[in-house]
Amino acid sequence: MCEPINEHLQNHDYLVENRFTTADVVTGGVLLWALKLGMMKDESPAKAYLTKLMERPAFQRADEPLYAPLAY
């Protein structure tokens, strides 16, 4: 499922015009659930991308009440 994303992220930091957009927010949410369900490979561009998104301060603020009760 992540192969098209992995291919794109090999040469880009973000999904649209290489800048952070709503597409990254939505895709990051889906990838987060894939990670939680054990569906992501440990070493992949998609996982590195998700890690980068998770480091954003806004993600961390939103993550606490929504995702903190769920184990990563």
N, C-alpha and C. Protein backbone atom coordinates (compact mmCIF):
# COMPACT_ATOMS: atom_id res chain seq x y z
N MET A 1 0.82 -1.19 0.00
CA MET A 1 0.00 0.00 0.00
C MET A 1 0.86 1.25 0.00
N CYS A 2 2.05 1.19 0.56
CA CYS A 2 2.90 2.38 0.67
C CYS A 2 3.85 2.55 -0.51
N GLU A 3 3.87 1.63 -1.42
CA GLU A 3 4.88 1.69 -2.49
C GLU A 3 4.84 2.99 -3.30
N PRO A 4 3.68 3.47 -3.76
CA PRO A 4 3.68 4.76 -4.48
C PRO A 4 4.19 5.92 -3.62
N ILE A 5 3.84 5.91 -2.34
CA ILE A 5 4.31 6.96 -1.44
C ILE A 5 5.82 6.83 -1.25
N ASN A 6 6.29 5.59 -1.05
CA ASN A 6 7.73 5.37 -0.90
C ASN A 6 8.50 5.87 -2.11
N GLU A 7 8.01 5.58 -3.29
CA GLU A 7 8.68 6.02 -4.52
C GLU A 7 8.74 7.55 -4.59
N HIS A 8 7.64 8.20 -4.29
CA HIS A 8 7.59 9.67 -4.34
C HIS A 8 8.53 10.29 -3.31
N LEU A 9 8.53 9.73 -2.11
CA LEU A 9 9.30 10.31 -1.01
C LEU A 9 10.80 10.07 -1.12
N GLN A 10 11.21 9.24 -2.06
CA GLN A 10 12.64 9.06 -2.27
C GLN A 10 13.29 10.35 -2.77
N ASN A 11 12.51 11.18 -3.46
CA ASN A 11 13.05 12.42 -4.04
C ASN A 11 12.36 13.69 -3.56
N HIS A 12 11.42 13.56 -2.61
CA HIS A 12 10.67 14.71 -2.13
C HIS A 12 10.51 14.64 -0.61
N ASP A 13 10.41 15.80 0.02
CA ASP A 13 10.16 15.85 1.45
C ASP A 13 8.67 15.76 1.78
N TYR A 14 7.85 16.29 0.88
CA TYR A 14 6.40 16.31 1.09
C TYR A 14 5.69 15.84 -0.17
N LEU A 15 4.37 15.73 -0.12
CA LEU A 15 3.62 15.12 -1.20
C LEU A 15 3.28 16.05 -2.36
N VAL A 16 3.00 17.32 -2.07
CA VAL A 16 2.56 18.26 -3.11
C VAL A 16 3.55 19.42 -3.20
N GLU A 17 4.12 19.59 -4.38
CA GLU A 17 5.04 20.69 -4.66
C GLU A 17 6.14 20.81 -3.62
N ASN A 18 6.49 19.68 -2.99
CA ASN A 18 7.56 19.59 -2.01
C ASN A 18 7.41 20.63 -0.88
N ARG A 19 6.15 20.84 -0.46
CA ARG A 19 5.90 21.70 0.70
C ARG A 19 4.78 21.07 1.52
N PHE A 20 4.74 21.37 2.80
CA PHE A 20 3.76 20.80 3.71
C PHE A 20 2.37 21.32 3.37
N THR A 21 1.43 20.39 3.11
CA THR A 21 0.06 20.76 2.75
C THR A 21 -0.93 19.85 3.49
N THR A 22 -2.19 20.08 3.23
CA THR A 22 -3.25 19.25 3.80
C THR A 22 -3.07 17.79 3.40
N ALA A 23 -2.53 17.55 2.22
CA ALA A 23 -2.29 16.17 1.78
C ALA A 23 -1.37 15.45 2.76
N ASP A 24 -0.41 16.15 3.32
CA ASP A 24 0.50 15.55 4.30
C ASP A 24 -0.21 15.26 5.62
N VAL A 25 -1.12 16.14 6.01
CA VAL A 25 -1.88 15.92 7.24
C VAL A 25 -2.73 14.67 7.11
N VAL A 26 -3.46 14.55 6.00
CA VAL A 26 -4.35 13.41 5.80
C VAL A 26 -3.54 12.12 5.64
N THR A 27 -2.53 12.15 4.80
CA THR A 27 -1.72 10.96 4.56
C THR A 27 -0.98 10.56 5.83
N GLY A 28 -0.47 11.55 6.56
CA GLY A 28 0.21 11.25 7.81
C GLY A 28 -0.70 10.55 8.81
N GLY A 29 -1.96 10.95 8.86
CA GLY A 29 -2.92 10.29 9.75
C GLY A 29 -3.13 8.83 9.38
N VAL A 30 -3.24 8.57 8.09
CA VAL A 30 -3.41 7.20 7.62
C VAL A 30 -2.16 6.38 7.92
N LEU A 31 -1.00 6.96 7.66
CA LEU A 31 0.25 6.25 7.93
C LEU A 31 0.44 5.98 9.41
N LEU A 32 -0.02 6.90 10.24
CA LEU A 32 0.09 6.69 11.69
C LEU A 32 -0.71 5.45 12.10
N TRP A 33 -1.91 5.32 11.57
CA TRP A 33 -2.71 4.13 11.88
C TRP A 33 -2.05 2.87 11.33
N ALA A 34 -1.47 2.95 10.15
CA ALA A 34 -0.75 1.79 9.60
C ALA A 34 0.41 1.41 10.52
N LEU A 35 1.11 2.40 11.04
CA LEU A 35 2.20 2.14 11.98
C LEU A 35 1.67 1.45 13.23
N LYS A 36 0.61 1.98 13.80
CA LYS A 36 0.03 1.43 15.02
C LYS A 36 -0.45 -0.01 14.82
N LEU A 37 -0.89 -0.32 13.62
CA LEU A 37 -1.37 -1.67 13.32
C LEU A 37 -0.25 -2.60 12.86
N GLY A 38 0.98 -2.11 12.87
CA GLY A 38 2.12 -2.95 12.49
C GLY A 38 2.22 -3.22 11.00
N MET A 39 1.70 -2.33 10.20
CA MET A 39 1.65 -2.54 8.75
C MET A 39 2.76 -1.81 7.98
N MET A 40 3.67 -1.14 8.70
CA MET A 40 4.73 -0.39 8.01
C MET A 40 6.08 -1.07 8.22
N LYS A 41 6.88 -1.08 7.17
CA LYS A 41 8.24 -1.59 7.28
C LYS A 41 9.06 -0.61 8.12
N ASP A 42 9.98 -1.16 8.91
CA ASP A 42 10.79 -0.30 9.78
C ASP A 42 11.62 0.70 9.00
N GLU A 43 12.25 0.26 7.93
CA GLU A 43 13.11 1.14 7.15
C GLU A 43 12.45 1.42 5.81
N SER A 44 11.75 2.53 5.72
CA SER A 44 11.12 2.91 4.46
C SER A 44 11.01 4.42 4.39
N PRO A 45 10.95 4.97 3.20
CA PRO A 45 10.73 6.42 3.08
C PRO A 45 9.43 6.86 3.76
N ALA A 46 8.39 6.04 3.70
CA ALA A 46 7.12 6.42 4.32
C ALA A 46 7.26 6.53 5.84
N LYS A 47 8.00 5.61 6.44
CA LYS A 47 8.18 5.68 7.89
C LYS A 47 9.05 6.87 8.27
N ALA A 48 10.08 7.16 7.50
CA ALA A 48 10.92 8.34 7.77
C ALA A 48 10.08 9.61 7.63
N TYR A 49 9.22 9.65 6.63
CA TYR A 49 8.31 10.78 6.40
C TYR A 49 7.37 10.95 7.60
N LEU A 50 6.79 9.85 8.05
CA LEU A 50 5.88 9.90 9.20
C LEU A 50 6.63 10.38 10.44
N THR A 51 7.83 9.90 10.63
CA THR A 51 8.63 10.34 11.78
C THR A 51 8.86 11.84 11.72
N LYS A 52 9.15 12.36 10.52
CA LYS A 52 9.35 13.80 10.35
C LYS A 52 8.06 14.56 10.67
N LEU A 53 6.92 14.04 10.23
CA LEU A 53 5.65 14.69 10.52
C LEU A 53 5.36 14.68 12.02
N MET A 54 5.70 13.58 12.67
CA MET A 54 5.44 13.44 14.10
C MET A 54 6.31 14.38 14.93
N GLU A 55 7.40 14.87 14.37
CA GLU A 55 8.27 15.81 15.07
C GLU A 55 7.76 17.24 15.02
N ARG A 56 6.78 17.50 14.18
CA ARG A 56 6.24 18.86 14.06
C ARG A 56 5.51 19.24 15.36
N PRO A 57 5.74 20.44 15.88
CA PRO A 57 5.08 20.85 17.13
C PRO A 57 3.56 20.74 17.10
N ALA A 58 2.95 21.09 15.99
CA ALA A 58 1.48 21.01 15.91
C ALA A 58 1.01 19.56 16.00
N PHE A 59 1.75 18.64 15.40
CA PHE A 59 1.39 17.23 15.51
C PHE A 59 1.48 16.79 16.97
N GLN A 60 2.53 17.19 17.64
CA GLN A 60 2.71 16.78 19.03
C GLN A 60 1.60 17.33 19.92
N ARG A 61 1.17 18.56 19.65
CA ARG A 61 0.05 19.12 20.43
C ARG A 61 -1.24 18.35 20.15
N ALA A 62 -1.48 18.03 18.90
CA ALA A 62 -2.70 17.31 18.53
C ALA A 62 -2.62 15.85 18.97
N ASP A 63 -1.43 15.30 18.97
CA ASP A 63 -1.23 13.89 19.27
C ASP A 63 -1.58 13.55 20.71
N GLU A 64 -1.27 14.44 21.62
CA GLU A 64 -1.43 14.11 23.03
C GLU A 64 -2.84 13.66 23.39
N PRO A 65 -3.87 14.46 23.16
CA PRO A 65 -5.20 14.00 23.57
C PRO A 65 -5.80 12.92 22.66
N LEU A 66 -5.40 12.92 21.39
CA LEU A 66 -6.02 12.01 20.44
C LEU A 66 -5.33 10.65 20.39
N TYR A 67 -4.00 10.66 20.30
CA TYR A 67 -3.29 9.42 20.06
C TYR A 67 -2.56 8.87 21.29
N ALA A 68 -2.30 9.67 22.29
CA ALA A 68 -1.52 9.21 23.44
C ALA A 68 -2.10 7.96 24.09
N PRO A 69 -3.43 7.82 24.20
CA PRO A 69 -3.96 6.59 24.84
C PRO A 69 -3.66 5.33 24.03
N LEU A 70 -3.33 5.46 22.78
CA LEU A 70 -3.03 4.31 21.93
C LEU A 70 -1.52 4.11 21.90
N ALA A 71 -1.08 2.89 22.05
CA ALA A 71 0.36 2.61 22.04
C ALA A 71 0.91 2.65 20.62
N TYR A 72 2.10 3.22 20.45
CA TYR A 72 2.78 3.22 19.15
C TYR A 72 3.45 1.90 18.96
